[in-house]
Amino acid sequence: MGKGIILGIDFSIDFTQMAVLDDEINPRSISIGTEDNFLIPSVVCYNSEL
């Protein structure tokens, strides 16, 4: 049987972070671009009156 990928996505107001489980079932954050860049901008539209 093949292995599936478990992906976790944490949506926040201004940034999003993604993680996967490695072979030892430990969560590992996914970096974007560089090794230290774990946060992804996630704001498309923000209404401060809400």
PDB file of N, CA and C in Angstrom:
ATOM      1  N   MET A   1       0.844  -1.173   0.000  1.00  0.00           N
ATOM      2  CA  MET A   1       0.000   0.000   0.000  1.00  0.00           C
ATOM      3  C   MET A   1       0.891   1.237   0.000  1.00  0.00           C
ATOM      4  N   GLY A   2       0.553   2.248  -0.795  1.00  0.00           N
ATOM      5  CA  GLY A   2       1.317   3.491  -0.854  1.00  0.00           C
ATOM      6  C   GLY A   2       1.081   4.350   0.374  1.00  0.00           C
ATOM      7  N   LYS A   3       1.997   5.272   0.583  1.00  0.00           N
ATOM      8  CA  LYS A   3       1.873   6.185   1.715  1.00  0.00           C
ATOM      9  C   LYS A   3       1.170   7.454   1.265  1.00  0.00           C
ATOM     10  N   GLY A   4       0.275   7.945   2.093  1.00  0.00           N
ATOM     11  CA  GLY A   4      -0.397   9.205   1.802  1.00  0.00           C
ATOM     12  C   GLY A   4       0.314  10.351   2.499  1.00  0.00           C
ATOM     13  N   ILE A   5       0.015  11.537   2.073  1.00  0.00           N
ATOM     14  CA  ILE A   5       0.582  12.733   2.685  1.00  0.00           C
ATOM     15  C   ILE A   5      -0.490  13.365   3.557  1.00  0.00           C
ATOM     16  N   ILE A   6      -0.143  13.663   4.792  1.00  0.00           N
ATOM     17  CA  ILE A   6      -1.045  14.382   5.680  1.00  0.00           C
ATOM     18  C   ILE A   6      -0.548  15.817   5.743  1.00  0.00           C
ATOM     19  N   LEU A   7      -1.379  16.743   5.311  1.00  0.00           N
ATOM     20  CA  LEU A   7      -1.013  18.149   5.244  1.00  0.00           C
ATOM     21  C   LEU A   7      -1.893  18.936   6.199  1.00  0.00           C
ATOM     22  N   GLY A   8      -1.280  19.725   7.059  1.00  0.00           N
ATOM     23  CA  GLY A   8      -2.020  20.604   7.955  1.00  0.00           C
ATOM     24  C   GLY A   8      -1.829  22.042   7.528  1.00  0.00           C
ATOM     25  N   ILE A   9      -2.914  22.799   7.500  1.00  0.00           N
ATOM     26  CA  ILE A   9      -2.842  24.208   7.127  1.00  0.00           C
ATOM     27  C   ILE A   9      -3.462  25.029   8.251  1.00  0.00           C
ATOM     28  N   ASP A  10      -2.697  25.980   8.777  1.00  0.00           N
ATOM     29  CA  ASP A  10      -3.148  26.863   9.848  1.00  0.00           C
ATOM     30  C   ASP A  10      -3.402  28.239   9.245  1.00  0.00           C
ATOM     31  N   PHE A  11      -4.677  28.568   9.014  1.00  0.00           N
ATOM     32  CA  PHE A  11      -5.031  29.871   8.452  1.00  0.00           C
ATOM     33  C   PHE A  11      -5.142  30.890   9.577  1.00  0.00           C
ATOM     34  N   SER A  12      -4.474  32.004   9.426  1.00  0.00           N
ATOM     35  CA  SER A  12      -4.536  33.092  10.388  1.00  0.00           C
ATOM     36  C   SER A  12      -5.028  34.336   9.658  1.00  0.00           C
ATOM     37  N   ILE A  13      -5.168  35.442  10.377  1.00  0.00           N
ATOM     38  CA  ILE A  13      -5.657  36.670   9.754  1.00  0.00           C
ATOM     39  C   ILE A  13      -4.674  37.197   8.722  1.00  0.00           C
ATOM     40  N   ASP A  14      -3.372  37.133   9.041  1.00  0.00           N
ATOM     41  CA  ASP A  14      -2.394  37.741   8.140  1.00  0.00           C
ATOM     42  C   ASP A  14      -1.405  36.753   7.527  1.00  0.00           C
ATOM     43  N   PHE A  15      -1.148  35.626   8.175  1.00  0.00           N
ATOM     44  CA  PHE A  15      -0.211  34.641   7.636  1.00  0.00           C
ATOM     45  C   PHE A  15      -0.778  33.236   7.775  1.00  0.00           C
ATOM     46  N   THR A  16      -0.309  32.350   6.933  1.00  0.00           N
ATOM     47  CA  THR A  16      -0.703  30.947   6.948  1.00  0.00           C
ATOM     48  C   THR A  16       0.556  30.104   7.090  1.00  0.00           C
ATOM     49  N   GLN A  17       0.455  28.994   7.818  1.00  0.00           N
ATOM     50  CA  GLN A  17       1.586  28.079   7.943  1.00  0.00           C
ATOM     51  C   GLN A  17       1.117  26.680   7.581  1.00  0.00           C
ATOM     52  N   MET A  18       1.967  25.936   6.858  1.00  0.00           N
ATOM     53  CA  MET A  18       1.627  24.573   6.459  1.00  0.00           C
ATOM     54  C   MET A  18       2.623  23.598   7.072  1.00  0.00           C
ATOM     55  N   ALA A  19       2.155  22.385   7.351  1.00  0.00           N
ATOM     56  CA  ALA A  19       3.022  21.351   7.916  1.00  0.00           C
ATOM     57  C   ALA A  19       2.602  19.990   7.378  1.00  0.00           C
ATOM     58  N   VAL A  20       3.544  19.053   7.363  1.00  0.00           N
ATOM     59  CA  VAL A  20       3.283  17.664   6.978  1.00  0.00           C
ATOM     60  C   VAL A  20       3.847  16.758   8.064  1.00  0.00           C
ATOM     61  N   LEU A  21       3.400  15.506   8.073  1.00  0.00           N
ATOM     62  CA  LEU A  21       3.975  14.519   8.984  1.00  0.00           C
ATOM     63  C   LEU A  21       5.089  13.788   8.259  1.00  0.00           C
ATOM     64  N   ASP A  22       6.250  13.667   8.916  1.00  0.00           N
ATOM     65  CA  ASP A  22       7.367  12.960   8.294  1.00  0.00           C
ATOM     66  C   ASP A  22       7.221  11.455   8.503  1.00  0.00           C
ATOM     67  N   ASP A  23       8.213  10.687   8.097  1.00  0.00           N
ATOM     68  CA  ASP A  23       8.154   9.221   8.197  1.00  0.00           C
ATOM     69  C   ASP A  23       8.046   8.728   9.632  1.00  0.00           C
ATOM     70  N   GLU A  24       8.493   9.532  10.595  1.00  0.00           N
ATOM     71  CA  GLU A  24       8.427   9.149  12.011  1.00  0.00           C
ATOM     72  C   GLU A  24       7.204   9.749  12.696  1.00  0.00           C
ATOM     73  N   ILE A  25       6.250  10.237  11.925  1.00  0.00           N
ATOM     74  CA  ILE A  25       4.997  10.826  12.399  1.00  0.00           C
ATOM     75  C   ILE A  25       5.245  12.082  13.247  1.00  0.00           C
ATOM     76  N   ASN A  26       6.245  12.863  12.890  1.00  0.00           N
ATOM     77  CA  ASN A  26       6.516  14.141  13.537  1.00  0.00           C
ATOM     78  C   ASN A  26       6.119  15.262  12.582  1.00  0.00           C
ATOM     79  N   PRO A  27       5.445  16.305  13.088  1.00  0.00           N
ATOM     80  CA  PRO A  27       5.080  17.409  12.197  1.00  0.00           C
ATOM     81  C   PRO A  27       6.302  18.219  11.780  1.00  0.00           C
ATOM     82  N   ARG A  28       6.369  18.569  10.516  1.00  0.00           N
ATOM     83  CA  ARG A  28       7.458  19.383   9.964  1.00  0.00           C
ATOM     84  C   ARG A  28       6.838  20.538   9.191  1.00  0.00           C
ATOM     85  N   SER A  29       7.205  21.762   9.560  1.00  0.00           N
ATOM     86  CA  SER A  29       6.706  22.930   8.841  1.00  0.00           C
ATOM     87  C   SER A  29       7.305  22.982   7.445  1.00  0.00           C
ATOM     88  N   ILE A  30       6.513  23.437   6.508  1.00  0.00           N
ATOM     89  CA  ILE A  30       6.960  23.577   5.125  1.00  0.00           C
ATOM     90  C   ILE A  30       7.446  25.004   4.931  1.00  0.00           C
ATOM     91  N   SER A  31       8.677  25.154   4.472  1.00  0.00           N
ATOM     92  CA  SER A  31       9.202  26.493   4.205  1.00  0.00           C
ATOM     93  C   SER A  31       8.971  26.848   2.742  1.00  0.00           C
ATOM     94  N   ILE A  32       8.791  28.116   2.499  1.00  0.00           N
ATOM     95  CA  ILE A  32       8.562  28.621   1.152  1.00  0.00           C
ATOM     96  C   ILE A  32       9.731  29.531   0.795  1.00  0.00           C
ATOM     97  N   GLY A  33      10.433  29.222  -0.252  1.00  0.00           N
ATOM     98  CA  GLY A  33      11.562  30.052  -0.682  1.00  0.00           C
ATOM     99  C   GLY A  33      12.847  29.682   0.027  1.00  0.00           C
ATOM    100  N   THR A  34      13.027  30.180   1.249  1.00  0.00           N
ATOM    101  CA  THR A  34      14.240  29.890   2.013  1.00  0.00           C
ATOM    102  C   THR A  34      13.912  28.947   3.156  1.00  0.00           C
ATOM    103  N   GLU A  35      14.931  28.422   3.802  1.00  0.00           N
ATOM    104  CA  GLU A  35      14.722  27.469   4.898  1.00  0.00           C
ATOM    105  C   GLU A  35      14.039  28.096   6.108  1.00  0.00           C
ATOM    106  N   ASP A  36      14.159  29.416   6.287  1.00  0.00           N
ATOM    107  CA  ASP A  36      13.599  30.078   7.468  1.00  0.00           C
ATOM    108  C   ASP A  36      12.277  30.783   7.190  1.00  0.00           C
ATOM    109  N   ASN A  37      11.739  30.644   6.003  1.00  0.00           N
ATOM    110  CA  ASN A  37      10.529  31.362   5.621  1.00  0.00           C
ATOM    111  C   ASN A  37       9.329  30.423   5.714  1.00  0.00           C
ATOM    112  N   PHE A  38       8.756  30.280   6.929  1.00  0.00           N
ATOM    113  CA  PHE A  38       7.665  29.332   7.147  1.00  0.00           C
ATOM    114  C   PHE A  38       6.280  29.955   6.999  1.00  0.00           C
ATOM    115  N   LEU A  39       6.187  31.284   7.119  1.00  0.00           N
ATOM    116  CA  LEU A  39       4.883  31.931   7.068  1.00  0.00           C
ATOM    117  C   LEU A  39       4.576  32.408   5.658  1.00  0.00           C
ATOM    118  N   ILE A  40       3.346  32.192   5.223  1.00  0.00           N
ATOM    119  CA  ILE A  40       2.905  32.549   3.880  1.00  0.00           C
ATOM    120  C   ILE A  40       1.835  33.638   4.026  1.00  0.00           C
ATOM    121  N   PRO A  41       1.981  34.789   3.376  1.00  0.00           N
ATOM    122  CA  PRO A  41       0.923  35.812   3.461  1.00  0.00           C
ATOM    123  C   PRO A  41      -0.407  35.242   2.992  1.00  0.00           C
ATOM    124  N   SER A  42      -1.482  35.521   3.739  1.00  0.00           N
ATOM    125  CA  SER A  42      -2.768  34.922   3.386  1.00  0.00           C
ATOM    126  C   SER A  42      -3.906  35.923   3.288  1.00  0.00           C
ATOM    127  N   VAL A  43      -3.645  37.203   3.442  1.00  0.00           N
ATOM    128  CA  VAL A  43      -4.715  38.195   3.381  1.00  0.00           C
ATOM    129  C   VAL A  43      -5.025  38.521   1.926  1.00  0.00           C
ATOM    130  N   VAL A  44      -6.270  38.305   1.541  1.00  0.00           N
ATOM    131  CA  VAL A  44      -6.721  38.688   0.209  1.00  0.00           C
ATOM    132  C   VAL A  44      -7.495  39.994   0.311  1.00  0.00           C
ATOM    133  N   CYS A  45      -8.370  40.071   1.293  1.00  0.00           N
ATOM    134  CA  CYS A  45      -9.154  41.279   1.544  1.00  0.00           C
ATOM    135  C   CYS A  45      -9.448  41.322   3.039  1.00  0.00           C
ATOM    136  N   TYR A  46      -9.214  42.458   3.651  1.00  0.00           N
ATOM    137  CA  TYR A  46      -9.444  42.588   5.090  1.00  0.00           C
ATOM    138  C   TYR A  46     -10.311  43.807   5.337  1.00  0.00           C
ATOM    139  N   ASN A  47     -11.460  43.615   5.984  1.00  0.00           N
ATOM    140  CA  ASN A  47     -12.369  44.703   6.314  1.00  0.00           C
ATOM    141  C   ASN A  47     -12.286  44.944   7.809  1.00  0.00           C
ATOM    142  N   SER A  48     -11.723  46.071   8.218  1.00  0.00           N
ATOM    143  CA  SER A  48     -11.525  46.347   9.646  1.00  0.00           C
ATOM    144  C   SER A  48     -12.834  46.637  10.368  1.00  0.00           C
ATOM    145  N   GLU A  49     -13.933  46.839   9.641  1.00  0.00           N
ATOM    146  CA  GLU A  49     -15.221  47.106  10.272  1.00  0.00           C
ATOM    147  C   GLU A  49     -15.938  45.832  10.694  1.00  0.00           C
ATOM    148  N   LEU A  50     -15.465  44.687  10.286  1.00  0.00           N
ATOM    149  CA  LEU A  50     -16.121  43.422  10.655  1.00  0.00           C
ATOM    150  C   LEU A  50     -15.664  42.942  11.991  1.00  0.00           C
TER     151      LEU A  50
END
